[in-house]
Amino acid sequence: MEEIPSDPPIQQHSKKIRYSSGPFATLPSEIILEILLRLPIKSLLKFRCVSKSWLSLISSPQFIKTHLKNSTNDPNFTFHRIMFTITYPRFNLKDCSIRSLLYEPLTEAVTIRYPRKHPRRSVWVVGSCNGLICIAINEKNLFLWNPSVKKSKKLPDVDVPMGRGFYIVHGFGFDETTEDYKVVGIFCAFGKAGGCETMVKIYSLKTNSWRRIEDFKGGVPLDDSGMFAQGKLHWSASPGEGFSSAWDIVSLDLEREIYGMVEQPNYGEGNFTSVLGVLGECISVLCNYQKTRADVWVLKEYGVKESWTKVVSIPYIDDPGKYMYSIPLCILPNGEVLLALGSSIVVYNLKDNSFRFPKITNVNDFLGAITYVESLVSPDADGE
């Protein structure tokens, strides 16, 4: 997730704000502000009804940014959640608290009401950014959605003819310079001769419109969503049209709308499969070595090959079966790594090389899992 820049002080509406009766009937506004900035979204939504001044404060852009920054940087992941994509026996989305997974003996996954929900309509999570989630219903109907405040916005349809041999790759991110959320659609079509042609369009929440940009540069994008980090979207791409085992990382700067090629680290010897992802605020690559171990690499600085760092090497459990590890969902300060193994959630302790398996109810099988932070960010450009 994109780092939230420092904000100017939040405007105080009055020196004291009355909120209840009794000995604590009044408190300095600075103390009330500090309390509110530490509360979960569910409580803040209720407290907007306390008074007009509280509604104005909690709805202000500075408050929303500061609360988001505090929640994002919480080392205990108190306000972070995991969203599971379910495809069997019917399409669904469920989520649960990361903190509960880490520290409670049993965690309940809750079924979520999302836009255009229907058991026969496919749902795919494109990505998450600052508490907003981009989802695709039946692949082509896109929504920006904040499950914490239960608000969503349908994106305008994209006027691109689709035929045989056609597939779409999306990406979702935030342009910090213009403070604009953007969705990128890469429309790929294979011709009769086997060549691949692309058309790329970008959606701006501020303008609520799509426009065409330069075609995809960097080979053939693989059928997976773009990963957002440090102001750029990143896709895995085959350098040629034959989908060889070799692959590149192609980036798109959301501000300048310029493509780039990200140089990869020296993975070393051995046969492995790799997958692109995001860990914290950085692009990462997970390398699975024939189900013996998985190495996790993180890119902390662009343009310098040596900036890739191998942050953890995770051994496989005695009988890995047919499943492989996912990109870690998070790494805690104490060295614990939270990730998926097939349809199970695993916590690996780097310090003592141990594993534990958090128990989750209501999730028997899931196709994918992403993390998001609870926030007040609105899917509407005007913030209403």
Protein backbone atom coordinates (compact mmCIF):
# COMPACT_ATOMS: atom_id res chain seq x y z
CA MET A 1 0.00 0.00 0.00
CA GLU A 2 1.14 3.48 -0.84
CA GLU A 3 2.66 5.34 2.10
CA ILE A 4 0.48 8.18 3.28
CA PRO A 5 2.42 11.45 3.36
CA SER A 6 2.56 13.69 6.40
CA ASP A 7 -0.49 15.89 6.72
CA PRO A 8 -1.01 19.35 8.14
CA PRO A 9 -2.52 19.48 11.63
CA ILE A 10 -6.20 18.66 11.76
CA GLN A 11 -8.27 21.77 12.28
CA GLN A 12 -9.76 21.93 15.72
CA HIS A 13 -13.45 22.82 15.65
CA SER A 14 -13.57 24.14 19.20
CA LYS A 15 -11.53 24.09 22.36
CA LYS A 16 -13.95 21.74 24.05
CA ILE A 17 -16.49 19.33 22.64
CA ARG A 18 -19.48 18.19 24.69
CA TYR A 19 -20.29 14.55 24.14
CA SER A 20 -21.98 13.16 27.28
CA SER A 21 -23.08 13.94 30.78
CA GLY A 22 -21.25 13.16 33.98
CA PRO A 23 -17.73 13.95 35.18
CA PHE A 24 -16.29 13.56 31.68
CA ALA A 25 -18.86 15.77 30.01
CA THR A 26 -16.17 17.90 28.39
CA LEU A 27 -12.68 17.13 27.16
CA PRO A 28 -10.09 19.22 25.31
CA SER A 29 -10.51 18.78 21.59
CA GLU A 30 -6.88 17.58 21.24
CA ILE A 31 -7.58 14.62 23.54
CA ILE A 32 -10.84 13.78 21.76
CA LEU A 33 -8.98 13.88 18.45
CA GLU A 34 -6.28 11.50 19.68
CA ILE A 35 -8.92 9.10 20.98
CA LEU A 36 -10.90 9.16 17.73
CA LEU A 37 -7.78 8.56 15.62
CA ARG A 38 -7.22 5.27 17.46
CA LEU A 39 -10.75 3.91 17.10
CA PRO A 40 -11.92 1.28 14.59
CA ILE A 41 -14.05 2.32 11.63
CA LYS A 42 -17.19 0.73 13.06
CA SER A 43 -17.02 3.00 16.11
CA LEU A 44 -16.24 6.11 14.07
CA LEU A 45 -19.28 5.54 11.87
CA LYS A 46 -21.45 5.52 15.00
CA PHE A 47 -19.76 8.56 16.54
CA ARG A 48 -20.49 10.69 13.49
CA CYS A 49 -24.03 10.92 14.90
CA VAL A 50 -22.89 12.41 18.21
CA SER A 51 -22.87 15.99 16.96
CA LYS A 52 -22.37 18.13 13.87
CA SER A 53 -18.84 18.98 15.01
CA TRP A 54 -17.92 15.30 15.34
CA LEU A 55 -19.46 14.55 11.95
CA SER A 56 -17.44 17.39 10.40
CA LEU A 57 -14.24 16.25 12.11
CA ILE A 58 -14.52 12.55 11.25
CA SER A 59 -15.50 13.36 7.66
CA SER A 60 -12.65 15.82 7.06
CA PRO A 61 -9.91 14.80 4.56
CA GLN A 62 -7.14 15.42 7.11
CA PHE A 63 -8.78 13.15 9.68
CA ILE A 64 -9.34 10.39 7.10
CA LYS A 65 -5.70 10.57 5.96
CA THR A 66 -4.28 10.62 9.47
CA HIS A 67 -6.47 7.75 10.64
CA LEU A 68 -5.46 5.76 7.55
CA LYS A 69 -1.78 6.43 8.16
CA ASN A 70 -2.05 5.35 11.80
CA SER A 71 -3.92 2.18 10.85
CA THR A 72 -1.52 1.29 8.04
CA ASN A 73 1.57 1.70 10.22
CA ASP A 74 0.20 -0.25 13.20
CA PRO A 75 2.84 -2.98 13.76
CA ASN A 76 0.22 -5.31 15.27
CA PHE A 77 -2.05 -5.13 12.18
CA THR A 78 -4.98 -4.24 14.42
CA PHE A 79 -7.01 -2.72 11.56
CA HIS A 80 -5.91 -5.07 8.79
CA ARG A 81 -8.12 -7.81 7.40
CA ILE A 82 -7.80 -10.73 4.99
CA MET A 83 -10.32 -11.15 2.19
CA PHE A 84 -10.84 -14.64 0.75
CA THR A 85 -12.14 -15.30 -2.76
CA ILE A 86 -14.44 -18.33 -2.79
CA THR A 87 -15.40 -20.10 -6.02
CA TYR A 88 -16.92 -23.39 -4.80
CA PRO A 89 -19.72 -24.32 -4.38
CA ARG A 90 -20.65 -20.75 -5.32
CA PHE A 91 -18.88 -17.44 -5.81
CA ASN A 92 -18.41 -15.47 -2.62
CA LEU A 93 -16.12 -13.19 -0.64
CA LYS A 94 -15.36 -13.61 3.07
CA ASP A 95 -13.00 -11.80 5.40
CA CYS A 96 -11.54 -11.93 8.88
CA SER A 97 -9.25 -9.96 11.17
CA ILE A 98 -5.51 -10.50 10.83
CA ARG A 99 -5.03 -9.71 14.51
CA SER A 100 -7.57 -12.40 15.42
CA LEU A 101 -5.77 -14.91 13.21
CA LEU A 102 -2.49 -14.17 14.91
CA TYR A 103 -3.56 -14.01 18.54
CA GLU A 104 -6.92 -15.78 19.00
CA PRO A 105 -7.49 -19.56 19.21
CA LEU A 106 -10.39 -19.41 16.74
CA THR A 107 -11.28 -16.84 14.08
CA GLU A 108 -14.59 -16.51 12.27
CA ALA A 109 -14.60 -15.57 8.59
CA VAL A 110 -17.59 -13.38 7.81
CA THR A 111 -19.49 -13.45 4.53
CA ILE A 112 -19.41 -10.01 2.89
CA ARG A 113 -22.15 -8.27 0.99
CA TYR A 114 -20.41 -6.90 -2.11
CA PRO A 115 -21.80 -5.11 -5.22
CA ARG A 116 -23.83 -7.21 -7.66
CA LYS A 117 -23.42 -10.26 -5.48
CA HIS A 118 -24.86 -13.42 -7.03
CA PRO A 119 -23.79 -17.06 -6.59
CA ARG A 120 -23.52 -17.51 -10.37
CA ARG A 121 -21.63 -14.29 -11.07
CA SER A 122 -17.88 -14.65 -10.87
CA VAL A 123 -16.08 -12.22 -8.60
CA TRP A 124 -12.39 -11.39 -8.73
CA VAL A 125 -10.46 -9.05 -6.47
CA VAL A 126 -8.26 -6.85 -8.67
CA GLY A 127 -6.44 -5.24 -5.77
CA SER A 128 -6.67 -3.11 -2.64
CA CYS A 129 -5.31 0.33 -1.85
CA ASN A 130 -5.88 2.53 1.23
CA GLY A 131 -8.96 0.54 2.23
CA LEU A 132 -10.56 0.65 -1.22
CA ILE A 133 -10.94 -2.62 -3.09
CA CYS A 134 -11.39 -2.99 -6.83
CA ILE A 135 -13.46 -6.01 -7.81
CA ALA A 136 -14.50 -7.39 -11.20
CA ILE A 137 -17.90 -9.05 -11.57
CA ASN A 138 -18.09 -11.45 -14.51
CA GLU A 139 -14.63 -10.09 -15.44
CA LYS A 140 -15.77 -6.87 -17.12
CA ASN A 141 -18.04 -5.07 -14.58
CA LEU A 142 -15.70 -3.14 -12.29
CA PHE A 143 -16.44 -1.58 -8.90
CA LEU A 144 -14.49 0.47 -6.38
CA TRP A 145 -15.70 -0.63 -2.97
CA ASN A 146 -14.95 0.13 0.65
CA PRO A 147 -16.30 -2.80 2.69
CA SER A 148 -15.60 -0.98 5.96
CA VAL A 149 -18.08 1.83 5.23
CA LYS A 150 -20.25 -0.30 2.90
CA LYS A 151 -20.02 2.08 -0.05
CA SER A 152 -19.25 1.27 -3.68
CA LYS A 153 -19.08 2.88 -7.08
CA LYS A 154 -19.55 1.17 -10.44
CA LEU A 155 -17.01 2.19 -13.05
CA PRO A 156 -18.25 3.17 -16.51
CA ASP A 157 -18.18 0.37 -19.06
CA VAL A 158 -15.16 0.20 -21.33
CA ASP A 159 -15.96 0.32 -25.03
CA VAL A 160 -13.60 -2.39 -26.26
CA PRO A 161 -14.89 -5.17 -28.56
CA MET A 162 -14.10 -8.63 -27.20
CA GLY A 163 -13.92 -11.78 -29.27
CA ARG A 164 -12.22 -15.17 -29.30
CA GLY A 165 -8.74 -15.39 -27.86
CA PHE A 166 -9.41 -12.23 -25.85
CA TYR A 167 -8.51 -11.71 -22.20
CA ILE A 168 -8.32 -8.76 -19.79
CA VAL A 169 -5.70 -7.96 -17.18
CA HIS A 170 -6.42 -5.23 -14.64
CA GLY A 171 -4.54 -3.25 -12.00
CA PHE A 172 -5.59 -0.81 -9.28
CA GLY A 173 -3.52 1.85 -7.55
CA PHE A 174 -3.18 5.40 -6.27
CA ASP A 175 -1.53 8.40 -7.93
CA GLU A 176 -0.21 10.31 -4.93
CA THR A 177 0.67 13.43 -6.93
CA THR A 178 -2.91 14.06 -8.03
CA GLU A 179 -4.49 12.11 -5.14
CA ASP A 180 -6.43 10.07 -7.67
CA TYR A 181 -7.33 6.39 -7.64
CA LYS A 182 -6.78 4.71 -10.99
CA VAL A 183 -7.69 1.42 -12.63
CA VAL A 184 -5.76 0.09 -15.61
CA GLY A 185 -7.23 -2.37 -18.10
CA ILE A 186 -4.96 -4.27 -20.50
CA PHE A 187 -7.05 -5.80 -23.27
CA CYS A 188 -5.15 -8.60 -25.01
CA ALA A 189 -6.09 -10.45 -28.18
CA PHE A 190 -4.28 -13.23 -30.03
CA GLY A 191 -4.43 -13.11 -33.79
CA LYS A 192 -4.64 -16.01 -36.21
CA ALA A 193 -0.88 -15.92 -36.71
CA GLY A 194 -0.31 -16.28 -32.97
CA GLY A 195 0.71 -12.68 -32.33
CA CYS A 196 -0.66 -10.75 -29.37
CA GLU A 197 -2.04 -7.24 -29.65
CA THR A 198 -2.85 -5.07 -26.64
CA MET A 199 -4.95 -2.01 -25.94
CA VAL A 200 -4.48 -0.23 -22.62
CA LYS A 201 -7.02 2.07 -21.00
CA ILE A 202 -6.80 3.90 -17.68
CA TYR A 203 -9.67 4.98 -15.46
CA SER A 204 -9.50 8.06 -13.22
CA LEU A 205 -11.83 8.30 -10.23
CA LYS A 206 -11.59 12.11 -10.31
CA THR A 207 -12.83 12.33 -13.88
CA ASN A 208 -14.93 9.14 -13.70
CA SER A 209 -13.81 8.23 -17.22
CA TRP A 210 -11.57 5.93 -19.22
CA ARG A 211 -9.02 7.01 -21.79
CA ARG A 212 -6.55 5.16 -23.92
CA ILE A 213 -2.80 5.28 -23.21
CA GLU A 214 0.22 3.72 -24.90
CA ASP A 215 -0.10 0.01 -25.65
CA PHE A 216 1.55 -2.45 -23.27
CA LYS A 217 5.32 -2.50 -23.61
CA GLY A 218 7.26 -5.53 -22.42
CA GLY A 219 5.97 -8.70 -24.07
CA VAL A 220 2.72 -10.48 -23.29
CA PRO A 221 1.12 -9.81 -19.88
CA LEU A 222 0.29 -12.96 -17.96
CA ASP A 223 -3.28 -13.48 -16.83
CA ASP A 224 -3.00 -11.95 -13.37
CA SER A 225 -3.80 -8.61 -11.74
CA GLY A 226 -1.21 -5.86 -11.52
CA MET A 227 0.57 -5.40 -8.19
CA PHE A 228 0.68 -1.86 -6.81
CA ALA A 229 3.69 -0.49 -4.93
CA GLN A 230 5.58 2.81 -4.78
CA GLY A 231 3.31 4.60 -7.23
CA LYS A 232 3.53 1.92 -9.92
CA LEU A 233 1.57 -1.08 -11.11
CA HIS A 234 3.57 -4.22 -11.91
CA TRP A 235 2.70 -7.19 -14.08
CA SER A 236 4.39 -10.48 -14.85
CA ALA A 237 4.96 -10.73 -18.60
CA SER A 238 6.32 -13.28 -21.00
CA PRO A 239 9.12 -11.68 -23.07
CA GLY A 240 7.85 -13.37 -26.24
CA GLU A 241 4.61 -14.73 -27.60
CA GLY A 242 5.29 -18.37 -26.79
CA PHE A 243 4.76 -18.13 -23.02
CA SER A 244 8.17 -19.55 -22.16
CA SER A 245 9.32 -20.19 -18.61
CA ALA A 246 11.25 -16.89 -18.67
CA TRP A 247 9.36 -13.86 -17.42
CA ASP A 248 9.84 -10.15 -16.85
CA ILE A 249 8.42 -7.61 -14.44
CA VAL A 250 6.86 -4.70 -16.34
CA SER A 251 5.86 -1.55 -14.45
CA LEU A 252 3.57 1.36 -15.25
CA ASP A 253 4.07 4.67 -13.44
CA LEU A 254 0.56 5.91 -12.64
CA GLU A 255 1.62 9.56 -12.58
CA ARG A 256 3.70 9.75 -15.76
CA GLU A 257 2.03 6.78 -17.50
CA ILE A 258 5.42 5.45 -18.57
CA TYR A 259 6.31 1.76 -18.79
CA GLY A 260 9.50 0.33 -17.33
CA MET A 261 11.31 -2.95 -16.85
CA VAL A 262 12.20 -3.98 -13.29
CA GLU A 263 15.49 -5.82 -13.07
CA GLN A 264 15.14 -8.99 -11.04
CA PRO A 265 17.50 -10.32 -8.37
CA ASN A 266 19.94 -13.18 -8.78
CA TYR A 267 17.79 -16.05 -7.60
CA GLY A 268 20.66 -18.52 -7.55
CA GLU A 269 20.80 -22.10 -8.80
CA GLY A 270 18.03 -24.67 -8.85
CA ASN A 271 14.68 -25.28 -10.45
CA PHE A 272 11.93 -23.05 -9.13
CA THR A 273 8.65 -21.44 -10.00
CA SER A 274 8.04 -17.83 -9.05
CA VAL A 275 5.13 -15.51 -8.42
CA LEU A 276 4.92 -11.73 -8.23
CA GLY A 277 3.26 -10.00 -5.30
CA VAL A 278 3.31 -7.15 -2.80
CA LEU A 279 4.64 -7.30 0.73
CA GLY A 280 3.98 -4.20 2.80
CA GLU A 281 4.77 -1.28 0.50
CA CYS A 282 7.21 -3.17 -1.73
CA ILE A 283 7.09 -5.42 -4.76
CA SER A 284 8.08 -8.97 -3.88
CA VAL A 285 8.79 -12.27 -5.58
CA LEU A 286 8.28 -15.68 -4.05
CA CYS A 287 10.37 -18.54 -5.47
CA ASN A 288 9.20 -22.10 -4.83
CA TYR A 289 12.09 -24.57 -5.11
CA GLN A 290 10.55 -27.95 -6.00
CA LYS A 291 8.51 -27.91 -2.79
CA THR A 292 11.59 -27.98 -0.56
CA ARG A 293 11.63 -24.28 0.37
CA ALA A 294 10.27 -20.90 -0.66
CA ASP A 295 12.42 -17.77 -0.80
CA VAL A 296 10.84 -14.34 -0.49
CA TRP A 297 12.56 -11.39 -2.17
CA VAL A 298 11.58 -7.75 -1.63
CA LEU A 299 12.49 -4.73 -3.78
CA LYS A 300 13.07 -1.70 -1.56
CA GLU A 301 14.57 0.71 -4.12
CA TYR A 302 14.08 1.04 -7.86
CA GLY A 303 16.90 1.11 -10.39
CA VAL A 304 19.40 -0.69 -8.16
CA LYS A 305 19.66 -4.45 -8.55
CA GLU A 306 21.31 -4.83 -5.15
CA SER A 307 18.24 -3.30 -3.51
CA TRP A 308 16.52 -6.69 -3.78
CA THR A 309 16.70 -8.39 -0.39
CA LYS A 310 15.86 -11.99 0.47
CA VAL A 311 13.85 -11.44 3.64
CA VAL A 312 12.96 -15.03 4.51
CA SER A 313 13.42 -18.62 3.35
CA ILE A 314 10.51 -20.84 4.41
CA PRO A 315 10.94 -24.62 4.49
CA TYR A 316 8.07 -26.80 3.37
CA ILE A 317 6.27 -28.94 5.90
CA ASP A 318 7.09 -32.68 5.85
CA ASP A 319 4.38 -33.49 3.31
CA PRO A 320 3.76 -30.44 1.11
CA GLY A 321 1.44 -32.43 -1.17
CA LYS A 322 0.26 -30.55 -4.23
CA TYR A 323 0.13 -27.08 -2.63
CA MET A 324 2.68 -24.29 -2.71
CA TYR A 325 3.08 -21.18 -0.58
CA SER A 326 1.59 -17.85 -1.52
CA ILE A 327 3.30 -14.50 -1.27
CA PRO A 328 3.33 -13.69 2.47
CA LEU A 329 0.28 -11.70 3.56
CA CYS A 330 2.37 -9.92 6.19
CA ILE A 331 5.57 -10.21 8.23
CA LEU A 332 5.39 -9.21 11.88
CA PRO A 333 8.13 -7.41 13.84
CA ASN A 334 8.67 -10.59 15.90
CA GLY A 335 9.66 -12.53 12.79
CA GLU A 336 6.40 -14.39 12.21
CA VAL A 337 5.26 -14.74 8.59
CA LEU A 338 1.57 -15.09 7.70
CA LEU A 339 0.88 -16.79 4.36
CA ALA A 340 -1.39 -19.26 2.59
CA LEU A 341 -0.59 -22.89 1.79
CA GLY A 342 -3.28 -24.10 -0.56
CA SER A 343 -6.51 -23.32 1.27
CA SER A 344 -4.90 -23.11 4.69
CA ILE A 345 -3.39 -20.17 6.54
CA VAL A 346 0.05 -20.82 8.01
CA VAL A 347 2.16 -18.81 10.43
CA TYR A 348 5.89 -19.48 10.16
CA ASN A 349 8.23 -18.34 12.93
CA LEU A 350 11.57 -17.36 11.47
CA LYS A 351 13.32 -17.31 14.84
CA ASP A 352 12.66 -20.90 15.91
CA ASN A 353 11.75 -22.40 12.50
CA SER A 354 8.30 -23.48 13.71
CA PHE A 355 4.82 -23.52 12.20
CA ARG A 356 1.35 -22.99 13.55
CA PHE A 357 -2.02 -23.22 11.84
CA PRO A 358 -4.67 -20.68 12.91
CA LYS A 359 -8.19 -22.10 12.95
CA ILE A 360 -10.75 -20.30 10.78
CA THR A 361 -14.45 -21.11 10.68
CA ASN A 362 -16.64 -20.73 7.56
CA VAL A 363 -13.73 -21.06 5.10
CA ASN A 364 -13.08 -24.53 3.76
CA ASP A 365 -11.61 -23.68 0.39
CA PHE A 366 -10.49 -20.41 -1.18
CA LEU A 367 -8.93 -19.45 -4.48
CA GLY A 368 -7.00 -16.42 -3.27
CA ALA A 369 -6.45 -14.10 -0.31
CA ILE A 370 -5.51 -10.42 -0.13
CA THR A 371 -5.02 -8.02 2.75
CA TYR A 372 -6.63 -4.63 3.19
CA VAL A 373 -6.74 -1.98 5.87
CA GLU A 374 -9.97 -0.60 7.32
CA SER A 375 -10.39 3.04 6.33
CA LEU A 376 -12.86 5.88 5.82
CA VAL A 377 -11.71 6.52 2.24
CA SER A 378 -14.72 6.98 -0.03
CA PRO A 379 -15.07 5.30 -3.44
CA ASP A 380 -16.60 8.57 -4.69
CA ALA A 381 -14.33 11.26 -6.09
CA ASP A 382 -16.07 13.96 -4.02
CA GLY A 383 -15.73 11.92 -0.84
CA GLU A 384 -19.46 11.92 -0.14
